[in-house]
């Protein structure tokens, strides 16, 4: 019992313990910062990819209606262009599953939403965020998962979920 009491009262080695605690906290903060920075960069890239795909889809004019003087998006062609661009930009296969090297690990197909809004249904309200749609537009909502890094130690979820909602209006310059 005396030996145990002596070990507890002895101050030697306390600076080593303090150093180890400091290093542990520092490494945790650096890991969190790195993960957060990585997630922000991935989100920005995925958001840009979806935004550009929606913009390309919104520019698919319906020539028959345009000849009648009605500005409209061709829904079938817009869907094809949107899906092709999303697959190309996010490295997805034809079933929207990630290919090797893709920034995403999963695309939630249950919540994937893309729709053309033309003048025959306008004005309309977006089902995603309830904003008014007043001109021909292509509306998109997608949820993807990306890998986490060191913060997985603290939070066992192995991925971040990124949700993106975009809409692009058809614009034709004179």
C-alpha atoms as a PDB file:
ATOM      1  CA  UNK A   1       0.000   0.000   0.000  1.00  0.00           C
ATOM      2  CA  UNK A   2       2.882   2.375   0.798  1.00  0.00           C
ATOM      3  CA  UNK A   3       4.374   1.772  -2.659  1.00  0.00           C
ATOM      4  CA  UNK A   4       1.117   2.740  -4.368  1.00  0.00           C
ATOM      5  CA  UNK A   5       0.867   5.887  -2.239  1.00  0.00           C
ATOM      6  CA  UNK A   6       4.463   6.843  -3.172  1.00  0.00           C
ATOM      7  CA  UNK A   7       3.761   6.369  -6.897  1.00  0.00           C
ATOM      8  CA  UNK A   8       0.680   8.585  -6.719  1.00  0.00           C
ATOM      9  CA  UNK A   9       2.465  11.345  -4.783  1.00  0.00           C
ATOM     10  CA  UNK A  10       5.513  11.318  -7.101  1.00  0.00           C
ATOM     11  CA  UNK A  11       5.476  14.211  -9.636  1.00  0.00           C
ATOM     12  CA  UNK A  12       8.007  12.715 -12.034  1.00  0.00           C
ATOM     13  CA  UNK A  13       6.553  12.034 -15.479  1.00  0.00           C
ATOM     14  CA  UNK A  14       3.658  14.483 -15.155  1.00  0.00           C
ATOM     15  CA  UNK A  15       4.984  16.678 -17.962  1.00  0.00           C
ATOM     16  CA  UNK A  16       5.042  13.631 -20.252  1.00  0.00           C
ATOM     17  CA  UNK A  17       1.376  12.951 -19.491  1.00  0.00           C
ATOM     18  CA  UNK A  18       0.501  16.602 -20.129  1.00  0.00           C
ATOM     19  CA  UNK A  19       2.391  16.472 -23.439  1.00  0.00           C
ATOM     20  CA  UNK A  20       0.538  13.321 -24.512  1.00  0.00           C
ATOM     21  CA  UNK A  21      -2.833  14.895 -23.663  1.00  0.00           C
ATOM     22  CA  UNK A  22      -1.907  18.038 -25.613  1.00  0.00           C
ATOM     23  CA  UNK A  23      -0.769  15.984 -28.625  1.00  0.00           C
ATOM     24  CA  UNK A  24      -3.980  13.956 -28.574  1.00  0.00           C
ATOM     25  CA  UNK A  25      -6.151  17.073 -28.538  1.00  0.00           C
ATOM     26  CA  UNK A  26      -4.020  18.707 -31.264  1.00  0.00           C
ATOM     27  CA  UNK A  27      -4.256  15.685 -33.538  1.00  0.00           C
ATOM     28  CA  UNK A  28      -8.018  15.516 -33.036  1.00  0.00           C
ATOM     29  CA  UNK A  29      -8.425  19.197 -33.973  1.00  0.00           C
ATOM     30  CA  UNK A  30      -6.178  18.856 -37.025  1.00  0.00           C
ATOM     31  CA  UNK A  31      -8.118  15.766 -38.143  1.00  0.00           C
ATOM     32  CA  UNK A  32     -11.452  17.516 -37.701  1.00  0.00           C
ATOM     33  CA  UNK A  33     -10.236  20.573 -39.622  1.00  0.00           C
ATOM     34  CA  UNK A  34      -8.899  18.433 -42.463  1.00  0.00           C
ATOM     35  CA  UNK A  35     -12.152  16.472 -42.697  1.00  0.00           C
ATOM     36  CA  UNK A  36     -14.246  19.615 -42.664  1.00  0.00           C
ATOM     37  CA  UNK A  37     -12.130  21.248 -45.372  1.00  0.00           C
ATOM     38  CA  UNK A  38     -12.337  18.080 -47.487  1.00  0.00           C
ATOM     39  CA  UNK A  39     -16.130  17.910 -47.090  1.00  0.00           C
ATOM     40  CA  UNK A  40     -16.562  21.574 -48.068  1.00  0.00           C
ATOM     41  CA  UNK A  41     -14.425  21.113 -51.197  1.00  0.00           C
ATOM     42  CA  UNK A  42     -16.273  17.941 -52.195  1.00  0.00           C
ATOM     43  CA  UNK A  43     -19.642  19.633 -51.624  1.00  0.00           C
ATOM     44  CA  UNK A  44     -18.609  22.596 -53.758  1.00  0.00           C
ATOM     45  CA  UNK A  45     -17.532  20.301 -56.604  1.00  0.00           C
ATOM     46  CA  UNK A  46     -20.695  18.203 -56.458  1.00  0.00           C
ATOM     47  CA  UNK A  47     -22.888  21.312 -56.251  1.00  0.00           C
ATOM     48  CA  UNK A  48     -21.189  22.786 -59.317  1.00  0.00           C
ATOM     49  CA  UNK A  49     -21.598  19.504 -61.211  1.00  0.00           C
ATOM     50  CA  UNK A  50     -25.320  19.336 -60.450  1.00  0.00           C
ATOM     51  CA  UNK A  51     -25.783  23.045 -61.187  1.00  0.00           C
ATOM     52  CA  UNK A  52     -24.115  22.765 -64.602  1.00  0.00           C
ATOM     53  CA  UNK A  53     -26.092  19.614 -65.427  1.00  0.00           C
ATOM     54  CA  UNK A  54     -29.354  21.397 -64.548  1.00  0.00           C
ATOM     55  CA  UNK A  55     -28.306  24.407 -66.613  1.00  0.00           C
ATOM     56  CA  UNK A  56     -27.501  22.213 -69.624  1.00  0.00           C
ATOM     57  CA  UNK A  57     -30.857  20.455 -69.236  1.00  0.00           C
ATOM     58  CA  UNK A  58     -32.712  23.766 -69.066  1.00  0.00           C
ATOM     59  CA  UNK A  59     -31.254  24.808 -72.420  1.00  0.00           C
ATOM     60  CA  UNK A  60     -32.855  21.911 -74.337  1.00  0.00           C
ATOM     61  CA  UNK A  61     -35.515  23.884 -76.195  1.00  0.00           C
ATOM     62  CA  UNK A  62     -38.624  22.294 -77.638  1.00  0.00           C
ATOM     63  CA  UNK A  63     -38.289  23.296 -81.302  1.00  0.00           C
ATOM     64  CA  UNK A  64     -41.940  22.597 -82.186  1.00  0.00           C
ATOM     65  CA  UNK A  65     -43.183  24.947 -79.466  1.00  0.00           C
ATOM     66  CA  UNK A  66     -40.458  27.475 -80.218  1.00  0.00           C
ATOM     67  CA  UNK A  67     -41.675  27.603 -83.860  1.00  0.00           C
ATOM     68  CA  UNK A  68     -45.115  28.506 -82.481  1.00  0.00           C
ATOM     69  CA  UNK A  69     -43.557  31.311 -80.432  1.00  0.00           C
ATOM     70  CA  UNK A  70     -43.733  29.469 -77.096  1.00  0.00           C
ATOM     71  CA  UNK A  71     -40.569  29.256 -75.025  1.00  0.00           C
ATOM     72  CA  UNK A  72     -40.400  25.697 -73.658  1.00  0.00           C
ATOM     73  CA  UNK A  73     -37.946  23.014 -72.574  1.00  0.00           C
ATOM     74  CA  UNK A  74     -38.076  19.580 -74.215  1.00  0.00           C
ATOM     75  CA  UNK A  75     -38.612  17.353 -71.113  1.00  0.00           C
ATOM     76  CA  UNK A  76     -37.326  14.102 -72.623  1.00  0.00           C
ATOM     77  CA  UNK A  77     -34.166  15.660 -74.021  1.00  0.00           C
ATOM     78  CA  UNK A  78     -33.589  17.658 -70.822  1.00  0.00           C
ATOM     79  CA  UNK A  79     -33.751  14.483 -68.708  1.00  0.00           C
ATOM     80  CA  UNK A  80     -31.276  12.705 -70.992  1.00  0.00           C
ATOM     81  CA  UNK A  81     -28.824  15.619 -70.912  1.00  0.00           C
ATOM     82  CA  UNK A  82     -29.123  16.041 -67.134  1.00  0.00           C
ATOM     83  CA  UNK A  83     -28.524  12.360 -66.372  1.00  0.00           C
ATOM     84  CA  UNK A  84     -25.620  12.111 -68.829  1.00  0.00           C
ATOM     85  CA  UNK A  85     -23.892  15.157 -67.359  1.00  0.00           C
ATOM     86  CA  UNK A  86     -24.415  14.020 -63.762  1.00  0.00           C
ATOM     87  CA  UNK A  87     -23.080  10.567 -64.607  1.00  0.00           C
ATOM     88  CA  UNK A  88     -20.047  12.057 -66.340  1.00  0.00           C
ATOM     89  CA  UNK A  89     -19.256  14.732 -63.727  1.00  0.00           C
ATOM     90  CA  UNK A  90     -19.737  12.505 -60.660  1.00  0.00           C
ATOM     91  CA  UNK A  91     -18.244   9.348 -62.248  1.00  0.00           C
ATOM     92  CA  UNK A  92     -21.413   7.254 -62.057  1.00  0.00           C
ATOM     93  CA  UNK A  93     -22.458   4.245 -64.116  1.00  0.00           C
ATOM     94  CA  UNK A  94     -25.785   3.940 -65.978  1.00  0.00           C
ATOM     95  CA  UNK A  95     -27.552   2.862 -62.759  1.00  0.00           C
ATOM     96  CA  UNK A  96     -26.157   5.919 -60.915  1.00  0.00           C
ATOM     97  CA  UNK A  97     -23.772   3.767 -58.884  1.00  0.00           C
ATOM     98  CA  UNK A  98     -20.313   5.248 -58.239  1.00  0.00           C
ATOM     99  CA  UNK A  99     -17.408   4.128 -60.407  1.00  0.00           C
ATOM    100  CA  UNK A 100     -13.875   3.816 -58.991  1.00  0.00           C
ATOM    101  CA  UNK A 101     -12.486   7.281 -58.358  1.00  0.00           C
ATOM    102  CA  UNK A 102     -15.901   8.887 -57.894  1.00  0.00           C
ATOM    103  CA  UNK A 103     -16.138  11.555 -55.190  1.00  0.00           C
ATOM    104  CA  UNK A 104     -19.412   9.992 -54.001  1.00  0.00           C
ATOM    105  CA  UNK A 105     -19.967   6.583 -52.439  1.00  0.00           C
ATOM    106  CA  UNK A 106     -23.757   6.480 -52.837  1.00  0.00           C
ATOM    107  CA  UNK A 107     -26.539   8.310 -54.682  1.00  0.00           C
ATOM    108  CA  UNK A 108     -29.925   8.168 -52.961  1.00  0.00           C
ATOM    109  CA  UNK A 109     -32.135   7.226 -55.899  1.00  0.00           C
ATOM    110  CA  UNK A 110     -35.272   7.314 -53.717  1.00  0.00           C
ATOM    111  CA  UNK A 111     -34.966  11.080 -53.247  1.00  0.00           C
ATOM    112  CA  UNK A 112     -33.528  11.931 -56.683  1.00  0.00           C
ATOM    113  CA  UNK A 113     -35.860  14.452 -58.301  1.00  0.00           C
ATOM    114  CA  UNK A 114     -35.610  16.192 -61.663  1.00  0.00           C
ATOM    115  CA  UNK A 115     -38.488  17.758 -63.548  1.00  0.00           C
ATOM    116  CA  UNK A 116     -39.197  20.209 -66.321  1.00  0.00           C
ATOM    117  CA  UNK A 117     -41.615  23.060 -65.663  1.00  0.00           C
ATOM    118  CA  UNK A 118     -42.983  24.637 -68.858  1.00  0.00           C
ATOM    119  CA  UNK A 119     -45.532  27.393 -69.457  1.00  0.00           C
ATOM    120  CA  UNK A 120     -48.423  24.887 -69.448  1.00  0.00           C
ATOM    121  CA  UNK A 121     -47.959  24.365 -65.663  1.00  0.00           C
ATOM    122  CA  UNK A 122     -46.694  27.825 -64.726  1.00  0.00           C
ATOM    123  CA  UNK A 123     -46.803  29.513 -62.320  1.00  0.00           C
ATOM    124  CA  UNK A 124     -45.865  26.618 -60.074  1.00  0.00           C
ATOM    125  CA  UNK A 125     -44.328  26.025 -56.668  1.00  0.00           C
ATOM    126  CA  UNK A 126     -41.151  24.009 -56.319  1.00  0.00           C
ATOM    127  CA  UNK A 127     -41.783  20.835 -54.295  1.00  0.00           C
ATOM    128  CA  UNK A 128     -38.237  21.051 -52.951  1.00  0.00           C
ATOM    129  CA  UNK A 129     -38.165  24.409 -51.203  1.00  0.00           C
ATOM    130  CA  UNK A 130     -41.559  25.947 -52.057  1.00  0.00           C
ATOM    131  CA  UNK A 131     -40.216  28.854 -54.117  1.00  0.00           C
ATOM    132  CA  UNK A 132     -42.243  30.218 -57.017  1.00  0.00           C
ATOM    133  CA  UNK A 133     -41.395  29.057 -60.527  1.00  0.00           C
ATOM    134  CA  UNK A 134     -42.546  31.674 -63.019  1.00  0.00           C
ATOM    135  CA  UNK A 135     -40.607  30.818 -66.184  1.00  0.00           C
ATOM    136  CA  UNK A 136     -39.705  27.572 -67.957  1.00  0.00           C
ATOM    137  CA  UNK A 137     -37.250  25.837 -65.631  1.00  0.00           C
ATOM    138  CA  UNK A 138     -35.546  22.570 -64.825  1.00  0.00           C
ATOM    139  CA  UNK A 139     -35.630  21.696 -61.110  1.00  0.00           C
ATOM    140  CA  UNK A 140     -33.244  19.190 -59.507  1.00  0.00           C
ATOM    141  CA  UNK A 141     -32.785  17.645 -56.048  1.00  0.00           C
ATOM    142  CA  UNK A 142     -30.116  15.053 -55.292  1.00  0.00           C
ATOM    143  CA  UNK A 143     -28.651  13.479 -52.147  1.00  0.00           C
ATOM    144  CA  UNK A 144     -25.224  11.866 -52.201  1.00  0.00           C
ATOM    145  CA  UNK A 145     -22.871  10.424 -49.614  1.00  0.00           C
ATOM    146  CA  UNK A 146     -19.131  11.072 -49.483  1.00  0.00           C
ATOM    147  CA  UNK A 147     -16.457   9.395 -47.388  1.00  0.00           C
ATOM    148  CA  UNK A 148     -15.389  10.775 -44.037  1.00  0.00           C
ATOM    149  CA  UNK A 149     -11.870  10.734 -42.733  1.00  0.00           C
ATOM    150  CA  UNK A 150     -10.474  11.071 -39.228  1.00  0.00           C
ATOM    151  CA  UNK A 151     -13.723  12.284 -37.645  1.00  0.00           C
ATOM    152  CA  UNK A 152     -14.980   8.731 -38.044  1.00  0.00           C
ATOM    153  CA  UNK A 153     -13.125   7.990 -34.809  1.00  0.00           C
ATOM    154  CA  UNK A 154     -15.489  10.287 -32.894  1.00  0.00           C
ATOM    155  CA  UNK A 155     -18.621   9.719 -34.977  1.00  0.00           C
ATOM    156  CA  UNK A 156     -18.966   6.163 -36.334  1.00  0.00           C
ATOM    157  CA  UNK A 157     -20.955   7.238 -39.433  1.00  0.00           C
ATOM    158  CA  UNK A 158     -18.559   6.497 -42.326  1.00  0.00           C
ATOM    159  CA  UNK A 159     -19.993   9.178 -44.633  1.00  0.00           C
ATOM    160  CA  UNK A 160     -21.260  12.753 -44.942  1.00  0.00           C
ATOM    161  CA  UNK A 161     -24.658  13.248 -46.612  1.00  0.00           C
ATOM    162  CA  UNK A 162     -24.739  16.149 -49.065  1.00  0.00           C
ATOM    163  CA  UNK A 163     -28.117  17.465 -50.265  1.00  0.00           C
ATOM    164  CA  UNK A 164     -28.277  19.695 -53.326  1.00  0.00           C
ATOM    165  CA  UNK A 165     -31.294  21.535 -54.755  1.00  0.00           C
ATOM    166  CA  UNK A 166     -30.934  23.587 -57.933  1.00  0.00           C
ATOM    167  CA  UNK A 167     -33.140  25.040 -60.582  1.00  0.00           C
ATOM    168  CA  UNK A 168     -32.210  26.594 -63.898  1.00  0.00           C
ATOM    169  CA  UNK A 169     -34.476  28.737 -66.049  1.00  0.00           C
ATOM    170  CA  UNK A 170     -34.545  28.655 -69.838  1.00  0.00           C
ATOM    171  CA  UNK A 171     -33.023  31.864 -71.201  1.00  0.00           C
ATOM    172  CA  UNK A 172     -32.637  32.732 -74.864  1.00  0.00           C
ATOM    173  CA  UNK A 173     -30.674  35.801 -75.858  1.00  0.00           C
ATOM    174  CA  UNK A 174     -32.101  37.986 -78.629  1.00  0.00           C
END
